[in-house]
Amino acid sequence: MAEILSDLQLKTCIGSIIVNGSEDCIGPNSIALRLGNRVLFESTQEEMEITKGKFLSIKPGETVMIASYEKLNFSESEVSKLFPNSMLMGILFPTTTMIREALSLPSTKVDPGYIGVLNWSIRNNSSKPIILGYCQNLFNLRIEKLADFERPTNHYGSREIDVYQNSEGIKRSSRTLPVDIPNDMIIESNIDKLDPVIKLKGAGYPFNFIGSELDAIKTETNTLSEKVDRVGEKIDKQEEHLTEKFKDWSKIYLFNIISALVACIAAGYGAIIVLSKKFDEKGMSIIAFVIAALAILIFLFIRPNKKKI
């Protein structure tokens, strides 16, 4: 069965099988691998260099691809120098410190025969930026020595599909797809038709918080909209009521004005005919003024009372 290398065996691997490794990173049955000098920000596709004394800041919800500081050489020729007739494979898992800080780091393996640095995509699931220093411990590497019957026939690097062999820095995904894929050949969900608020709530931090806030705002908006609709209905009813009152008032008002004017004109005309025989022009002016005054008084007397509207 496979044998897990002890701390003493791991020390012998430094410099040859684990290039740039440090004895200070060795634990009971594993060795810590550290943050190297290359980083790729997945959201912006910016690839940058990290040097000694510099720090990497990963924002909440951000995913980055990083390269390991150490380079592994699991080739059969190199391994046989320390472990004759044997091959090695590795299991990688995140340090508990990184897990405690809400970094999402996937576990993976290193195949027998692999040569090169390692790349990982890590995501910040916390609510604040996470700062990583150059050569910061990120993963623990457990190395297993394979028994004779466990040694692969085709180790990593012996096949054409082993495109990550001898990786340096960031090696992007080698997966390829046809340039033009017909729509009827694609199987996909209807997530684009999903309510954006629901999509945000299921996207993890910080988007789930935004989705919850938008959901609360939507609820408050709907409540406010209902209240506005009720106020609108009351305004419509009041407007209808006032319109009817205005129609009734205008009919009475207009009728009274016309009646008063007809009465005044008739009375004035009769008075002028009668009095024109007895008064001169000056007297007639005075009479006309009196008649106008009487017409105004009659109008004021007969107009509708506003309080009754």
Protein backbone atom coordinates (compact mmCIF):
# COMPACT_ATOMS: atom_id res chain seq x y z
CA MET A 1 0.00 0.00 0.00
CA ALA A 2 1.01 3.64 -0.47
CA GLU A 3 3.29 5.01 2.21
CA ILE A 4 2.82 8.61 3.47
CA LEU A 5 6.18 10.35 3.75
CA SER A 6 7.16 11.42 7.25
CA ASP A 7 8.74 14.74 8.19
CA LEU A 8 12.22 13.17 8.01
CA GLN A 9 11.55 11.83 4.51
CA LEU A 10 10.10 15.18 3.41
CA LYS A 11 13.32 16.92 4.45
CA THR A 12 15.27 14.75 2.03
CA CYS A 13 12.92 15.86 -0.79
CA ILE A 14 13.70 19.57 -0.41
CA GLY A 15 15.85 20.92 -3.21
CA SER A 16 15.23 18.10 -5.65
CA ILE A 17 11.66 16.80 -5.52
CA ILE A 18 10.40 19.96 -3.79
CA VAL A 19 12.33 22.83 -5.37
CA ASN A 20 12.40 26.06 -3.30
CA GLY A 21 10.89 24.16 -0.37
CA SER A 22 11.67 25.13 3.22
CA GLU A 23 12.19 22.88 6.23
CA ASP A 24 10.28 25.47 8.28
CA CYS A 25 7.14 24.50 6.32
CA ILE A 26 7.36 20.80 7.16
CA GLY A 27 4.73 19.32 9.47
CA PRO A 28 4.36 15.78 10.83
CA ASN A 29 3.35 14.26 7.49
CA SER A 30 3.02 17.20 5.10
CA ILE A 31 4.77 20.32 3.87
CA ALA A 32 3.14 23.73 3.31
CA LEU A 33 3.23 25.20 -0.17
CA ARG A 34 3.33 28.97 -0.42
CA LEU A 35 2.06 31.88 -2.52
CA GLY A 36 4.34 32.43 -5.49
CA ASN A 37 5.02 35.50 -7.63
CA ARG A 38 2.14 35.34 -10.14
CA VAL A 39 -1.58 36.06 -9.75
CA LEU A 40 -4.47 36.23 -12.23
CA PHE A 41 -7.62 38.15 -11.29
CA GLU A 42 -10.48 36.18 -12.85
CA SER A 43 -12.93 39.10 -12.95
CA THR A 44 -10.66 41.45 -14.92
CA GLN A 45 -8.25 38.90 -16.45
CA GLU A 46 -5.35 40.98 -15.12
CA GLU A 47 -2.18 38.99 -14.51
CA MET A 48 0.25 40.60 -12.09
CA GLU A 49 3.53 39.88 -10.34
CA ILE A 50 4.02 39.66 -6.59
CA THR A 51 7.53 40.27 -5.31
CA LYS A 52 9.15 40.07 -1.91
CA GLY A 53 7.62 42.59 0.49
CA LYS A 54 4.41 42.88 -1.60
CA PHE A 55 0.93 41.69 -0.61
CA LEU A 56 -2.04 40.32 -2.52
CA SER A 57 -5.48 41.75 -1.66
CA ILE A 58 -8.49 39.59 -2.55
CA LYS A 59 -11.75 41.55 -2.33
CA PRO A 60 -15.02 40.03 -1.02
CA GLY A 61 -16.53 37.73 -3.63
CA GLU A 62 -13.40 37.90 -5.81
CA THR A 63 -11.71 34.85 -7.33
CA VAL A 64 -8.02 34.77 -8.23
CA MET A 65 -5.69 32.17 -9.70
CA ILE A 66 -2.30 31.94 -8.03
CA ALA A 67 0.96 30.08 -8.61
CA SER A 68 2.89 28.21 -5.95
CA TYR A 69 6.28 29.39 -4.79
CA GLU A 70 7.56 25.80 -4.79
CA LYS A 71 8.14 23.75 -7.93
CA LEU A 72 7.53 20.02 -7.79
CA ASN A 73 9.51 17.39 -9.67
CA PHE A 74 7.73 14.07 -9.43
CA SER A 75 9.50 12.66 -12.48
CA GLU A 76 10.52 9.02 -12.26
CA SER A 77 14.18 9.89 -12.82
CA GLU A 78 14.29 12.40 -9.96
CA VAL A 79 12.23 10.36 -7.51
CA SER A 80 14.31 7.21 -8.05
CA LYS A 81 17.37 9.03 -6.69
CA LEU A 82 15.79 9.09 -3.23
CA PHE A 83 13.25 6.29 -3.53
CA PRO A 84 14.53 3.59 -5.93
CA ASN A 85 11.93 1.78 -7.99
CA SER A 86 9.22 4.08 -6.59
CA MET A 87 7.01 6.92 -7.78
CA LEU A 88 5.34 9.67 -5.79
CA MET A 89 1.92 11.30 -5.89
CA GLY A 90 0.64 14.23 -3.84
CA ILE A 91 -2.61 15.25 -2.14
CA LEU A 92 -3.18 18.97 -1.60
CA PHE A 93 -5.56 20.47 0.95
CA PRO A 94 -5.87 24.04 2.29
CA THR A 95 -4.35 25.07 5.60
CA THR A 96 -6.84 25.44 8.44
CA THR A 97 -5.71 29.06 8.84
CA MET A 98 -6.95 29.92 5.35
CA ILE A 99 -10.22 28.07 5.98
CA ARG A 100 -10.74 30.07 9.18
CA GLU A 101 -10.40 33.28 7.17
CA ALA A 102 -13.20 32.17 4.79
CA LEU A 103 -10.97 31.52 1.81
CA SER A 104 -12.34 28.85 -0.50
CA LEU A 105 -9.42 26.70 -1.71
CA PRO A 106 -10.22 23.47 -3.53
CA SER A 107 -8.34 20.30 -2.70
CA THR A 108 -6.57 18.55 -5.56
CA LYS A 109 -3.83 16.04 -6.33
CA VAL A 110 -0.45 15.89 -8.02
CA ASP A 111 -0.02 12.98 -10.40
CA PRO A 112 3.10 10.81 -10.52
CA GLY A 113 5.55 12.25 -13.06
CA TYR A 114 4.33 15.86 -12.81
CA ILE A 115 6.92 18.66 -13.09
CA GLY A 116 6.21 22.34 -12.50
CA VAL A 117 4.60 24.89 -10.20
CA LEU A 118 1.00 24.45 -9.07
CA ASN A 119 -1.92 26.77 -9.88
CA TRP A 120 -5.05 27.19 -7.76
CA SER A 121 -8.18 29.32 -8.01
CA ILE A 122 -9.15 30.69 -4.63
CA ARG A 123 -12.20 32.77 -3.66
CA ASN A 124 -12.79 35.22 -0.83
CA ASN A 125 -16.11 34.28 0.82
CA SER A 126 -15.74 36.75 3.69
CA SER A 127 -17.18 40.26 4.06
CA LYS A 128 -13.82 42.03 4.00
CA PRO A 129 -10.67 41.96 1.85
CA ILE A 130 -8.19 39.19 2.66
CA ILE A 131 -4.49 40.08 2.49
CA LEU A 132 -1.93 37.42 1.58
CA GLY A 133 1.78 38.03 1.80
CA TYR A 134 4.41 36.82 -0.63
CA CYS A 135 5.40 33.24 0.38
CA GLN A 136 2.32 32.94 2.62
CA ASN A 137 1.46 29.34 3.53
CA LEU A 138 -1.67 28.29 1.62
CA PHE A 139 -1.78 24.52 1.03
CA ASN A 140 -0.46 21.45 2.73
CA LEU A 141 1.09 18.83 0.47
CA ARG A 142 0.99 15.23 1.60
CA ILE A 143 3.26 13.00 -0.48
CA GLU A 144 2.61 9.29 -0.85
CA LYS A 145 5.17 6.73 -2.05
CA LEU A 146 3.43 4.25 -4.28
CA ALA A 147 3.93 0.52 -3.96
CA ASP A 148 5.17 -1.40 -6.98
CA PHE A 149 1.65 -2.48 -7.99
CA GLU A 150 0.38 1.12 -7.58
CA ARG A 151 2.86 2.68 -9.98
CA PRO A 152 1.09 3.95 -13.14
CA THR A 153 2.02 2.60 -16.55
CA ASN A 154 1.73 6.07 -18.08
CA HIS A 155 2.81 8.71 -15.61
CA TYR A 156 2.04 12.40 -16.01
CA GLY A 157 4.02 13.98 -18.86
CA SER A 158 4.16 10.84 -20.98
CA ARG A 159 0.94 11.68 -22.88
CA GLU A 160 0.13 14.46 -25.32
CA ILE A 161 -2.81 15.58 -23.19
CA ASP A 162 -0.52 16.38 -20.24
CA VAL A 163 -0.32 20.06 -21.25
CA TYR A 164 0.51 21.41 -17.79
CA GLN A 165 3.86 19.66 -17.56
CA ASN A 166 6.78 22.04 -16.79
CA SER A 167 4.39 24.86 -15.85
CA GLU A 168 5.83 28.18 -14.78
CA GLY A 169 3.80 31.07 -13.31
CA ILE A 170 0.13 31.03 -14.35
CA LYS A 171 -0.84 28.34 -16.83
CA ARG A 172 -4.36 29.05 -18.05
CA SER A 173 -6.92 26.37 -18.80
CA SER A 174 -6.15 24.42 -21.96
CA ARG A 175 -9.74 23.31 -22.49
CA THR A 176 -11.03 24.10 -25.97
CA LEU A 177 -14.49 24.39 -27.56
CA PRO A 178 -15.77 24.81 -31.13
CA VAL A 179 -15.89 28.42 -32.28
CA ASP A 180 -19.56 28.31 -33.32
CA ILE A 181 -21.95 26.10 -31.38
CA PRO A 182 -25.56 26.01 -32.71
CA ASN A 183 -28.11 27.11 -30.13
CA ASP A 184 -30.09 23.88 -30.53
CA MET A 185 -27.02 21.95 -29.41
CA ILE A 186 -26.74 23.77 -26.07
CA ILE A 187 -28.52 22.49 -22.96
CA GLU A 188 -28.92 25.27 -20.40
CA SER A 189 -31.20 26.48 -17.63
CA ASN A 190 -33.53 29.48 -17.74
CA ILE A 191 -31.48 31.35 -15.14
CA ASP A 192 -31.46 34.45 -17.39
CA LYS A 193 -35.22 34.64 -16.94
CA LEU A 194 -34.94 34.31 -13.18
CA ASP A 195 -35.77 37.30 -11.02
CA PRO A 196 -32.48 39.25 -10.58
CA VAL A 197 -33.14 39.49 -6.84
CA ILE A 198 -33.35 35.69 -6.56
CA LYS A 199 -30.13 35.34 -8.59
CA LEU A 200 -28.30 37.76 -6.30
CA LYS A 201 -29.54 36.02 -3.15
CA GLY A 202 -28.16 32.71 -4.42
CA ALA A 203 -24.80 34.09 -5.57
CA GLY A 204 -23.12 34.18 -2.16
CA TYR A 205 -21.50 37.12 -0.37
CA PRO A 206 -21.71 40.05 -1.01
CA PHE A 207 -24.39 39.59 -3.66
CA ASN A 208 -26.79 37.70 -1.37
CA PHE A 209 -26.81 40.72 0.97
CA ILE A 210 -27.62 43.02 -1.96
CA GLY A 211 -30.38 40.64 -3.07
CA SER A 212 -31.93 40.61 0.42
CA GLU A 213 -31.84 44.42 0.57
CA LEU A 214 -33.44 44.68 -2.88
CA ASP A 215 -36.11 42.19 -1.80
CA ALA A 216 -36.90 44.33 1.24
CA ILE A 217 -37.03 47.47 -0.91
CA LYS A 218 -39.34 45.67 -3.37
CA THR A 219 -41.70 44.74 -0.53
CA GLU A 220 -41.74 48.31 0.79
CA THR A 221 -42.28 49.65 -2.73
CA ASN A 222 -45.24 47.34 -3.29
CA THR A 223 -46.76 48.42 0.04
CA LEU A 224 -46.25 52.09 -0.85
CA SER A 225 -47.71 51.50 -4.30
CA GLU A 226 -50.86 50.00 -2.76
CA LYS A 227 -51.23 53.01 -0.47
CA VAL A 228 -50.76 55.38 -3.41
CA ASP A 229 -53.42 53.47 -5.36
CA ARG A 230 -55.86 53.80 -2.46
CA VAL A 231 -55.16 57.53 -2.21
CA GLY A 232 -55.66 57.82 -5.96
CA GLU A 233 -59.04 56.10 -5.70
CA LYS A 234 -60.09 58.54 -2.95
CA ILE A 235 -58.95 61.49 -5.06
CA ASP A 236 -60.90 60.18 -8.05
CA LYS A 237 -64.06 59.80 -5.95
CA GLN A 238 -63.62 63.29 -4.43
CA GLU A 239 -63.01 64.74 -7.88
CA GLU A 240 -66.18 63.10 -9.19
CA HIS A 241 -68.12 64.43 -6.20
CA LEU A 242 -66.82 67.97 -6.67
CA THR A 243 -67.51 67.85 -10.39
CA GLU A 244 -71.13 66.98 -9.78
CA LYS A 245 -71.39 69.72 -7.13
CA PHE A 246 -69.81 72.21 -9.49
CA LYS A 247 -72.27 71.32 -12.24
CA ASP A 248 -75.22 71.83 -9.87
CA TRP A 249 -73.75 75.06 -8.54
CA SER A 250 -72.95 76.44 -11.99
CA LYS A 251 -76.50 75.75 -13.21
CA ILE A 252 -78.06 77.58 -10.24
CA TYR A 253 -75.50 80.38 -10.38
CA LEU A 254 -75.94 80.96 -14.10
CA PHE A 255 -79.74 80.81 -13.85
CA ASN A 256 -79.78 83.40 -11.04
CA ILE A 257 -77.45 85.73 -12.91
CA ILE A 258 -79.50 85.57 -16.09
CA SER A 259 -82.75 86.05 -14.15
CA ALA A 260 -81.35 89.03 -12.26
CA LEU A 261 -79.98 90.66 -15.41
CA VAL A 262 -83.26 90.18 -17.30
CA ALA A 263 -85.20 91.62 -14.36
CA CYS A 264 -82.82 94.58 -14.04
CA ILE A 265 -82.84 95.28 -17.76
CA ALA A 266 -86.62 95.07 -17.91
CA ALA A 267 -87.06 97.26 -14.82
CA GLY A 268 -84.44 99.69 -15.97
CA TYR A 269 -85.88 99.94 -19.44
CA GLY A 270 -89.35 100.62 -18.05
CA ALA A 271 -88.05 103.14 -15.56
CA ILE A 272 -86.06 104.96 -18.23
CA ILE A 273 -89.10 105.27 -20.46
CA VAL A 274 -91.22 106.61 -17.61
CA LEU A 275 -88.61 108.92 -16.15
CA SER A 276 -87.17 110.23 -19.42
CA LYS A 277 -90.14 112.50 -19.72
CA LYS A 278 -89.52 114.09 -16.32
CA PHE A 279 -85.67 114.30 -15.99
CA ASP A 280 -82.92 115.87 -18.03
CA GLU A 281 -79.71 114.05 -19.17
CA LYS A 282 -77.97 114.51 -15.81
CA GLY A 283 -80.91 113.08 -13.96
CA MET A 284 -80.96 110.10 -16.28
CA SER A 285 -77.29 109.35 -15.49
CA ILE A 286 -78.08 109.29 -11.80
CA ILE A 287 -81.00 106.97 -12.39
CA ALA A 288 -78.86 104.60 -14.50
CA PHE A 289 -76.25 104.47 -11.70
CA VAL A 290 -78.92 103.64 -9.13
CA ILE A 291 -80.31 100.89 -11.34
CA ALA A 292 -76.80 99.36 -11.76
CA ALA A 293 -76.27 99.44 -8.01
CA LEU A 294 -79.58 97.74 -7.43
CA ALA A 295 -78.64 95.03 -9.96
CA ILE A 296 -75.37 94.34 -8.06
CA LEU A 297 -77.19 94.13 -4.75
CA ILE A 298 -79.76 91.76 -6.23
CA PHE A 299 -76.95 89.57 -7.63
CA LEU A 300 -75.18 89.42 -4.26
CA PHE A 301 -78.40 88.62 -2.51
CA ILE A 302 -79.48 85.78 -4.75
CA ARG A 303 -76.06 84.02 -5.37
CA PRO A 304 -75.73 80.49 -3.86
CA ASN A 305 -74.21 79.98 -0.43
CA LYS A 306 -70.71 78.35 -0.82
CA LYS A 307 -71.13 76.38 2.40
CA LYS A 308 -73.97 74.44 0.84
CA ILE A 309 -71.75 73.12 -1.97
